PDB file of N, CA and C in Angstrom:
ATOM      1  N   UNK A   1     -93.479 -15.576 115.764  1.00  0.00           N
ATOM      2  CA  UNK A   1     -93.042 -13.829 115.865  1.00  0.00           C
ATOM      3  C   UNK A   1     -91.397 -14.041 115.536  1.00  0.00           C
ATOM      4  N   UNK A   2     -91.792 -13.242 114.489  1.00  0.00           N
ATOM      5  CA  UNK A   2     -90.699 -12.180 113.539  1.00  0.00           C
ATOM      6  C   UNK A   2     -89.706 -11.261 114.567  1.00  0.00           C
ATOM      7  N   UNK A   3     -88.403 -11.612 114.807  1.00  0.00           N
ATOM      8  CA  UNK A   3     -87.445 -10.466 115.242  1.00  0.00           C
ATOM      9  C   UNK A   3     -86.888  -9.681 114.153  1.00  0.00           C
ATOM     10  N   UNK A   4     -86.824  -8.573 114.298  1.00  0.00           N
ATOM     11  CA  UNK A   4     -85.934  -7.554 113.175  1.00  0.00           C
ATOM     12  C   UNK A   4     -83.697  -7.623 113.941  1.00  0.00           C
ATOM     13  N   UNK A   5     -83.737  -7.576 113.284  1.00  0.00           N
ATOM     14  CA  UNK A   5     -82.554  -7.690 113.051  1.00  0.00           C
ATOM     15  C   UNK A   5     -81.019  -6.839 112.147  1.00  0.00           C
ATOM     16  N   UNK A   6     -80.347  -6.752 112.968  1.00  0.00           N
ATOM     17  CA  UNK A   6     -79.982  -4.982 111.959  1.00  0.00           C
ATOM     18  C   UNK A   6     -78.335  -5.311 111.819  1.00  0.00           C
ATOM     19  N   UNK A   7     -77.760  -5.509 110.687  1.00  0.00           N
ATOM     20  CA  UNK A   7     -76.818  -5.780 109.884  1.00  0.00           C
ATOM     21  C   UNK A   7     -75.932  -5.091 109.475  1.00  0.00           C
ATOM     22  N   UNK A   8     -74.851  -3.946 110.697  1.00  0.00           N
ATOM     23  CA  UNK A   8     -74.384  -3.134 110.036  1.00  0.00           C
ATOM     24  C   UNK A   8     -73.251  -3.779 108.703  1.00  0.00           C
ATOM     25  N   UNK A   9     -72.957  -3.399 107.312  1.00  0.00           N
ATOM     26  CA  UNK A   9     -72.217  -3.746 106.449  1.00  0.00           C
ATOM     27  C   UNK A   9     -71.769  -2.442 105.324  1.00  0.00           C
ATOM     28  N   UNK A  10     -70.865  -2.247 103.953  1.00  0.00           N
ATOM     29  CA  UNK A  10     -70.476  -1.857 103.314  1.00  0.00           C
ATOM     30  C   UNK A  10     -71.288  -0.617 102.411  1.00  0.00           C
ATOM     31  N   UNK A  11     -71.485   0.604 102.175  1.00  0.00           N
ATOM     32  CA  UNK A  11     -72.168   1.036 100.514  1.00  0.00           C
ATOM     33  C   UNK A  11     -71.733  -0.068  99.426  1.00  0.00           C
ATOM     34  N   UNK A  12     -70.577  -0.532  99.477  1.00  0.00           N
ATOM     35  CA  UNK A  12     -70.582  -1.362  98.393  1.00  0.00           C
ATOM     36  C   UNK A  12     -71.034  -2.257  98.921  1.00  0.00           C
ATOM     37  N   UNK A  13     -70.818  -3.322  99.745  1.00  0.00           N
ATOM     38  CA  UNK A  13     -71.421  -4.417 100.260  1.00  0.00           C
ATOM     39  C   UNK A  13     -73.285  -5.145 100.110  1.00  0.00           C
ATOM     40  N   UNK A  14     -74.075  -3.647  99.760  1.00  0.00           N
ATOM     41  CA  UNK A  14     -75.303  -2.852 100.032  1.00  0.00           C
ATOM     42  C   UNK A  14     -75.433  -2.814  98.957  1.00  0.00           C
ATOM     43  N   UNK A  15     -75.131  -2.201  98.027  1.00  0.00           N
ATOM     44  CA  UNK A  15     -74.619  -2.986  96.310  1.00  0.00           C
ATOM     45  C   UNK A  15     -75.053  -3.770  95.853  1.00  0.00           C
ATOM     46  N   UNK A  16     -73.706  -4.859  96.018  1.00  0.00           N
ATOM     47  CA  UNK A  16     -73.427  -6.095  95.986  1.00  0.00           C
ATOM     48  C   UNK A  16     -75.531  -6.509  95.828  1.00  0.00           C
ATOM     49  N   UNK A  17     -75.267  -7.369  97.631  1.00  0.00           N
ATOM     50  CA  UNK A  17     -76.445  -7.764  97.555  1.00  0.00           C
ATOM     51  C   UNK A  17     -77.915  -6.938  96.953  1.00  0.00           C
ATOM     52  N   UNK A  18     -78.132  -5.504  96.861  1.00  0.00           N
ATOM     53  CA  UNK A  18     -79.592  -5.374  96.177  1.00  0.00           C
ATOM     54  C   UNK A  18     -79.526  -5.694  94.958  1.00  0.00           C
ATOM     55  N   UNK A  19     -78.178  -6.132  94.393  1.00  0.00           N
ATOM     56  CA  UNK A  19     -78.176  -6.501  92.854  1.00  0.00           C
ATOM     57  C   UNK A  19     -78.485  -7.936  92.438  1.00  0.00           C
ATOM     58  N   UNK A  20     -77.481  -8.301  94.038  1.00  0.00           N
ATOM     59  CA  UNK A  20     -77.955  -9.499  93.853  1.00  0.00           C
ATOM     60  C   UNK A  20     -79.007 -10.215  93.989  1.00  0.00           C
ATOM     61  N   UNK A  21     -79.699  -9.600  94.796  1.00  0.00           N
ATOM     62  CA  UNK A  21     -81.602  -9.687  95.257  1.00  0.00           C
ATOM     63  C   UNK A  21     -81.919  -9.603  94.676  1.00  0.00           C
ATOM     64  N   UNK A  22     -81.769  -8.378  93.508  1.00  0.00           N
ATOM     65  CA  UNK A  22     -83.224  -7.681  93.153  1.00  0.00           C
ATOM     66  C   UNK A  22     -82.342  -8.563  91.000  1.00  0.00           C
ATOM     67  N   UNK A  23     -81.143  -8.943  90.838  1.00  0.00           N
ATOM     68  CA  UNK A  23     -81.577  -9.867  89.809  1.00  0.00           C
ATOM     69  C   UNK A  23     -81.842 -11.542  89.579  1.00  0.00           C
ATOM     70  N   UNK A  24     -82.211 -11.992  91.255  1.00  0.00           N
ATOM     71  CA  UNK A  24     -83.141 -13.313  91.631  1.00  0.00           C
ATOM     72  C   UNK A  24     -84.817 -12.535  91.490  1.00  0.00           C
ATOM     73  N   UNK A  25     -84.318 -11.966  91.830  1.00  0.00           N
ATOM     74  CA  UNK A  25     -86.365 -11.302  91.494  1.00  0.00           C
ATOM     75  C   UNK A  25     -86.678 -11.236  93.179  1.00  0.00           C
ATOM     76  N   UNK A  26     -85.755 -10.885  94.423  1.00  0.00           N
ATOM     77  CA  UNK A  26     -86.327 -10.978  95.192  1.00  0.00           C
ATOM     78  C   UNK A  26     -86.345  -9.427  95.875  1.00  0.00           C
ATOM     79  N   UNK A  27     -86.685  -9.427  97.619  1.00  0.00           N
ATOM     80  CA  UNK A  27     -86.901  -8.070  98.048  1.00  0.00           C
ATOM     81  C   UNK A  27     -85.084  -8.271  98.695  1.00  0.00           C
ATOM     82  N   UNK A  28     -84.199  -7.783  99.247  1.00  0.00           N
ATOM     83  CA  UNK A  28     -83.370  -7.900  99.602  1.00  0.00           C
ATOM     84  C   UNK A  28     -83.802  -8.416 101.467  1.00  0.00           C
ATOM     85  N   UNK A  29     -84.135  -8.458 101.949  1.00  0.00           N
ATOM     86  CA  UNK A  29     -84.939  -8.937 103.051  1.00  0.00           C
ATOM     87  C   UNK A  29     -84.981 -10.697 102.795  1.00  0.00           C
ATOM     88  N   UNK A  30     -85.945 -11.239 101.838  1.00  0.00           N
ATOM     89  CA  UNK A  30     -86.033 -12.408 101.540  1.00  0.00           C
ATOM     90  C   UNK A  30     -84.152 -12.631 101.348  1.00  0.00           C
ATOM     91  N   UNK A  31     -83.720 -12.125 100.038  1.00  0.00           N
ATOM     92  CA  UNK A  31     -82.201 -12.484  99.610  1.00  0.00           C
ATOM     93  C   UNK A  31     -81.322 -13.086 101.037  1.00  0.00           C
ATOM     94  N   UNK A  32     -81.254 -11.811 101.599  1.00  0.00           N
ATOM     95  CA  UNK A  32     -80.590 -12.407 103.411  1.00  0.00           C
ATOM     96  C   UNK A  32     -81.267 -13.144 104.272  1.00  0.00           C
ATOM     97  N   UNK A  33     -82.703 -13.538 104.267  1.00  0.00           N
ATOM     98  CA  UNK A  33     -83.419 -14.823 104.760  1.00  0.00           C
ATOM     99  C   UNK A  33     -82.581 -16.081 104.058  1.00  0.00           C
ATOM    100  N   UNK A  34     -82.582 -15.727 102.491  1.00  0.00           N
ATOM    101  CA  UNK A  34     -81.765 -17.550 102.478  1.00  0.00           C
ATOM    102  C   UNK A  34     -81.002 -17.856 102.270  1.00  0.00           C
ATOM    103  N   UNK A  35     -79.970 -16.543 101.831  1.00  0.00           N
ATOM    104  CA  UNK A  35     -78.945 -16.616 101.977  1.00  0.00           C
ATOM    105  C   UNK A  35     -78.287 -17.135 103.569  1.00  0.00           C
ATOM    106  N   UNK A  36     -78.506 -16.625 104.524  1.00  0.00           N
ATOM    107  CA  UNK A  36     -78.578 -17.036 106.270  1.00  0.00           C
ATOM    108  C   UNK A  36     -78.919 -18.611 106.124  1.00  0.00           C
ATOM    109  N   UNK A  37     -80.595 -18.864 105.369  1.00  0.00           N
ATOM    110  CA  UNK A  37     -80.497 -20.465 105.430  1.00  0.00           C
ATOM    111  C   UNK A  37     -79.675 -21.102 105.421  1.00  0.00           C
ATOM    112  N   UNK A  38     -79.302 -20.986 103.628  1.00  0.00           N
ATOM    113  CA  UNK A  38     -77.977 -21.913 102.920  1.00  0.00           C
ATOM    114  C   UNK A  38     -76.375 -21.378 103.952  1.00  0.00           C
ATOM    115  N   UNK A  39     -76.186 -20.938 104.399  1.00  0.00           N
ATOM    116  CA  UNK A  39     -74.897 -20.603 105.372  1.00  0.00           C
ATOM    117  C   UNK A  39     -75.422 -21.918 106.656  1.00  0.00           C
ATOM    118  N   UNK A  40     -75.840 -21.276 107.465  1.00  0.00           N
ATOM    119  CA  UNK A  40     -76.327 -21.933 108.713  1.00  0.00           C
ATOM    120  C   UNK A  40     -76.590 -24.236 108.042  1.00  0.00           C
ATOM    121  N   UNK A  41     -76.864 -24.152 107.180  1.00  0.00           N
ATOM    122  CA  UNK A  41     -77.249 -25.554 106.100  1.00  0.00           C
ATOM    123  C   UNK A  41     -75.775 -25.472 106.625  1.00  0.00           C
ATOM    124  N   UNK A  42     -74.988 -25.533 105.798  1.00  0.00           N
ATOM    125  CA  UNK A  42     -73.594 -25.652 105.602  1.00  0.00           C
ATOM    126  C   UNK A  42     -73.171 -25.884 106.288  1.00  0.00           C
ATOM    127  N   UNK A  43     -73.278 -24.278 107.249  1.00  0.00           N
ATOM    128  CA  UNK A  43     -71.970 -24.881 107.610  1.00  0.00           C
ATOM    129  C   UNK A  43     -72.632 -26.016 108.923  1.00  0.00           C
ATOM    130  N   UNK A  44     -73.367 -26.302 109.535  1.00  0.00           N
ATOM    131  CA  UNK A  44     -74.440 -26.998 110.287  1.00  0.00           C
ATOM    132  C   UNK A  44     -73.630 -28.390 109.860  1.00  0.00           C
ATOM    133  N   UNK A  45     -74.321 -29.231 109.309  1.00  0.00           N
ATOM    134  CA  UNK A  45     -73.664 -29.900 108.458  1.00  0.00           C
ATOM    135  C   UNK A  45     -72.348 -30.629 108.198  1.00  0.00           C
ATOM    136  N   UNK A  46     -71.711 -29.514 107.414  1.00  0.00           N
ATOM    137  CA  UNK A  46     -70.565 -29.194 107.216  1.00  0.00           C
ATOM    138  C   UNK A  46     -69.931 -31.128 105.956  1.00  0.00           C
ATOM    139  N   UNK A  47     -69.125 -31.579 105.979  1.00  0.00           N
ATOM    140  CA  UNK A  47     -68.801 -32.326 104.782  1.00  0.00           C
ATOM    141  C   UNK A  47     -68.853 -33.627 104.768  1.00  0.00           C
ATOM    142  N   UNK A  48     -70.252 -33.965 105.460  1.00  0.00           N
ATOM    143  CA  UNK A  48     -70.204 -35.531 106.219  1.00  0.00           C
ATOM    144  C   UNK A  48     -69.442 -36.875 106.092  1.00  0.00           C
ATOM    145  N   UNK A  49     -68.740 -36.589 103.959  1.00  0.00           N
ATOM    146  CA  UNK A  49     -67.997 -37.814 102.824  1.00  0.00           C
ATOM    147  C   UNK A  49     -66.476 -37.609 104.221  1.00  0.00           C
ATOM    148  N   UNK A  50     -65.980 -36.664 103.896  1.00  0.00           N
ATOM    149  CA  UNK A  50     -64.871 -36.533 104.035  1.00  0.00           C
ATOM    150  C   UNK A  50     -65.013 -36.639 105.457  1.00  0.00           C
ATOM    151  N   UNK A  51     -65.655 -35.950 106.556  1.00  0.00           N
ATOM    152  CA  UNK A  51     -65.420 -36.957 107.962  1.00  0.00           C
ATOM    153  C   UNK A  51     -64.931 -37.878 108.621  1.00  0.00           C
ATOM    154  N   UNK A  52     -66.346 -38.407 107.829  1.00  0.00           N
ATOM    155  CA  UNK A  52     -66.323 -39.999 107.717  1.00  0.00           C
ATOM    156  C   UNK A  52     -64.750 -40.912 106.742  1.00  0.00           C
ATOM    157  N   UNK A  53     -64.307 -40.244 106.492  1.00  0.00           N
ATOM    158  CA  UNK A  53     -63.186 -40.865 105.142  1.00  0.00           C
ATOM    159  C   UNK A  53     -61.844 -40.709 106.097  1.00  0.00           C
ATOM    160  N   UNK A  54     -61.837 -38.857 106.968  1.00  0.00           N
ATOM    161  CA  UNK A  54     -61.126 -39.148 107.845  1.00  0.00           C
ATOM    162  C   UNK A  54     -61.172 -39.620 109.008  1.00  0.00           C
ATOM    163  N   UNK A  55     -62.262 -40.285 109.297  1.00  0.00           N
ATOM    164  CA  UNK A  55     -61.938 -40.964 110.860  1.00  0.00           C
ATOM    165  C   UNK A  55     -61.495 -42.242 110.650  1.00  0.00           C
ATOM    166  N   UNK A  56     -62.203 -42.881 109.449  1.00  0.00           N
ATOM    167  CA  UNK A  56     -61.226 -44.186 108.457  1.00  0.00           C
ATOM    168  C   UNK A  56     -59.982 -44.032 108.644  1.00  0.00           C
ATOM    169  N   UNK A  57     -59.744 -43.231 108.094  1.00  0.00           N
ATOM    170  CA  UNK A  57     -57.929 -43.102 107.632  1.00  0.00           C
ATOM    171  C   UNK A  57     -57.596 -42.989 109.777  1.00  0.00           C
ATOM    172  N   UNK A  58     -58.167 -41.812 110.044  1.00  0.00           N
ATOM    173  CA  UNK A  58     -57.554 -42.592 111.764  1.00  0.00           C
ATOM    174  C   UNK A  58     -57.647 -43.804 111.876  1.00  0.00           C
ATOM    175  N   UNK A  59     -58.428 -44.419 111.733  1.00  0.00           N
ATOM    176  CA  UNK A  59     -59.088 -45.535 113.098  1.00  0.00           C
ATOM    177  C   UNK A  59     -57.897 -46.962 112.599  1.00  0.00           C
ATOM    178  N   UNK A  60     -57.587 -46.388 110.903  1.00  0.00           N
ATOM    179  CA  UNK A  60     -56.735 -47.668 110.716  1.00  0.00           C
ATOM    180  C   UNK A  60     -55.502 -47.529 111.290  1.00  0.00           C
ATOM    181  N   UNK A  61     -54.621 -46.533 111.973  1.00  0.00           N
ATOM    182  CA  UNK A  61     -53.550 -46.528 112.279  1.00  0.00           C
ATOM    183  C   UNK A  61     -53.250 -47.163 113.478  1.00  0.00           C
ATOM    184  N   UNK A  62     -51.809 -47.529 113.817  1.00  0.00           N
ATOM    185  CA  UNK A  62     -51.576 -47.657 115.304  1.00  0.00           C
ATOM    186  C   UNK A  62     -50.306 -47.493 115.847  1.00  0.00           C
ATOM    187  N   UNK A  63     -50.350 -46.453 116.926  1.00  0.00           N
ATOM    188  CA  UNK A  63     -50.101 -46.291 117.301  1.00  0.00           C
ATOM    189  C   UNK A  63     -49.806 -46.469 118.750  1.00  0.00           C
ATOM    190  N   UNK A  64     -47.782 -47.070 119.076  1.00  0.00           N
ATOM    191  CA  UNK A  64     -47.550 -46.607 120.546  1.00  0.00           C
ATOM    192  C   UNK A  64     -47.720 -46.109 121.431  1.00  0.00           C
ATOM    193  N   UNK A  65     -49.167 -46.691 122.211  1.00  0.00           N
ATOM    194  CA  UNK A  65     -49.862 -45.756 123.266  1.00  0.00           C
ATOM    195  C   UNK A  65     -50.215 -46.053 124.576  1.00  0.00           C
ATOM    196  N   UNK A  66     -49.992 -46.340 126.387  1.00  0.00           N
ATOM    197  CA  UNK A  66     -49.963 -47.084 127.038  1.00  0.00           C
ATOM    198  C   UNK A  66     -51.076 -47.096 127.457  1.00  0.00           C
ATOM    199  N   UNK A  67     -51.454 -48.190 128.135  1.00  0.00           N
ATOM    200  CA  UNK A  67     -53.046 -48.213 128.710  1.00  0.00           C
ATOM    201  C   UNK A  67     -53.263 -46.948 129.200  1.00  0.00           C
ATOM    202  N   UNK A  68     -54.879 -46.338 129.491  1.00  0.00           N
ATOM    203  CA  UNK A  68     -54.922 -45.589 129.937  1.00  0.00           C
ATOM    204  C   UNK A  68     -54.935 -44.647 131.163  1.00  0.00           C
ATOM    205  N   UNK A  69     -54.529 -46.651 132.161  1.00  0.00           N
ATOM    206  CA  UNK A  69     -53.978 -45.699 133.468  1.00  0.00           C
ATOM    207  C   UNK A  69     -52.613 -45.216 133.894  1.00  0.00           C
ATOM    208  N   UNK A  70     -51.979 -46.056 133.105  1.00  0.00           N
ATOM    209  CA  UNK A  70     -50.369 -45.613 132.570  1.00  0.00           C
ATOM    210  C   UNK A  70     -50.612 -44.560 131.989  1.00  0.00           C
ATOM    211  N   UNK A  71     -51.483 -44.382 130.982  1.00  0.00           N
ATOM    212  CA  UNK A  71     -51.263 -41.802 130.519  1.00  0.00           C
ATOM    213  C   UNK A  71     -51.938 -41.102 131.706  1.00  0.00           C
ATOM    214  N   UNK A  72     -53.490 -41.854 132.244  1.00  0.00           N
ATOM    215  CA  UNK A  72     -53.797 -40.239 133.457  1.00  0.00           C
ATOM    216  C   UNK A  72     -52.383 -40.560 134.161  1.00  0.00           C
ATOM    217  N   UNK A  73     -52.032 -41.196 134.982  1.00  0.00           N
ATOM    218  CA  UNK A  73     -50.521 -41.335 135.969  1.00  0.00           C
ATOM    219  C   UNK A  73     -50.153 -40.821 135.156  1.00  0.00           C
ATOM    220  N   UNK A  74     -49.068 -40.254 133.827  1.00  0.00           N
ATOM    221  CA  UNK A  74     -47.751 -39.966 133.117  1.00  0.00           C
ATOM    222  C   UNK A  74     -49.157 -38.585 133.605  1.00  0.00           C
ATOM    223  N   UNK A  75     -49.977 -37.932 133.486  1.00  0.00           N
ATOM    224  CA  UNK A  75     -50.502 -36.732 132.956  1.00  0.00           C
ATOM    225  C   UNK A  75     -50.779 -36.288 134.399  1.00  0.00           C
ATOM    226  N   UNK A  76     -51.073 -36.651 135.631  1.00  0.00           N
ATOM    227  CA  UNK A  76     -51.300 -36.059 136.264  1.00  0.00           C
ATOM    228  C   UNK A  76     -49.947 -36.132 137.248  1.00  0.00           C
ATOM    229  N   UNK A  77     -48.955 -36.603 137.153  1.00  0.00           N
ATOM    230  CA  UNK A  77     -47.032 -36.621 137.240  1.00  0.00           C
ATOM    231  C   UNK A  77     -47.013 -35.005 136.831  1.00  0.00           C
ATOM    232  N   UNK A  78     -47.566 -34.714 135.394  1.00  0.00           N
ATOM    233  CA  UNK A  78     -46.906 -33.773 134.814  1.00  0.00           C
ATOM    234  C   UNK A  78     -47.770 -32.441 135.789  1.00  0.00           C
ATOM    235  N   UNK A  79     -49.153 -32.575 135.797  1.00  0.00           N
ATOM    236  CA  UNK A  79     -49.564 -31.467 136.517  1.00  0.00           C
ATOM    237  C   UNK A  79     -48.708 -30.446 137.691  1.00  0.00           C
ATOM    238  N   UNK A  80     -48.112 -32.006 138.644  1.00  0.00           N
ATOM    239  CA  UNK A  80     -46.524 -31.566 139.889  1.00  0.00           C
ATOM    240  C   UNK A  80     -45.398 -30.920 139.444  1.00  0.00           C
ATOM    241  N   UNK A  81     -45.329 -31.283 138.214  1.00  0.00           N
ATOM    242  CA  UNK A  81     -43.803 -30.328 137.410  1.00  0.00           C
ATOM    243  C   UNK A  81     -44.304 -29.164 137.451  1.00  0.00           C
ATOM    244  N   UNK A  82     -43.906 -27.809 138.358  1.00  0.00           N
ATOM    245  CA  UNK A  82     -44.016 -26.387 138.325  1.00  0.00           C
ATOM    246  C   UNK A  82     -43.247 -26.391 137.045  1.00  0.00           C
ATOM    247  N   UNK A  83     -44.133 -25.178 136.665  1.00  0.00           N
ATOM    248  CA  UNK A  83     -43.990 -24.216 135.586  1.00  0.00           C
ATOM    249  C   UNK A  83     -42.813 -23.775 135.547  1.00  0.00           C
ATOM    250  N   UNK A  84     -41.533 -23.815 134.530  1.00  0.00           N
ATOM    251  CA  UNK A  84     -40.684 -22.810 134.679  1.00  0.00           C
ATOM    252  C   UNK A  84     -39.995 -23.137 135.779  1.00  0.00           C
ATOM    253  N   UNK A  85     -38.870 -21.624 135.619  1.00  0.00           N
ATOM    254  CA  UNK A  85     -37.289 -21.613 136.601  1.00  0.00           C
ATOM    255  C   UNK A  85     -38.514 -20.845 138.246  1.00  0.00           C
TER     256      UNK A  85
END
């Protein structure tokens, strides 16, 4: 089942989008649907290689940190301190 989507854009944008669609031999509606699919695919996946590289680099670091029980106790003590004067 298809649904209608209304998007409000400037006239200048509309003209650019219409020319882009026409240059590809597409209707504006088809061009918009394709552009939305591409945007969704790019946003959803991101750059997997750079994400994995960041995780690998981070896992190679060794920062001093207490055991989880100590860390949780410190957090709880921080909650007990009143904010400000």
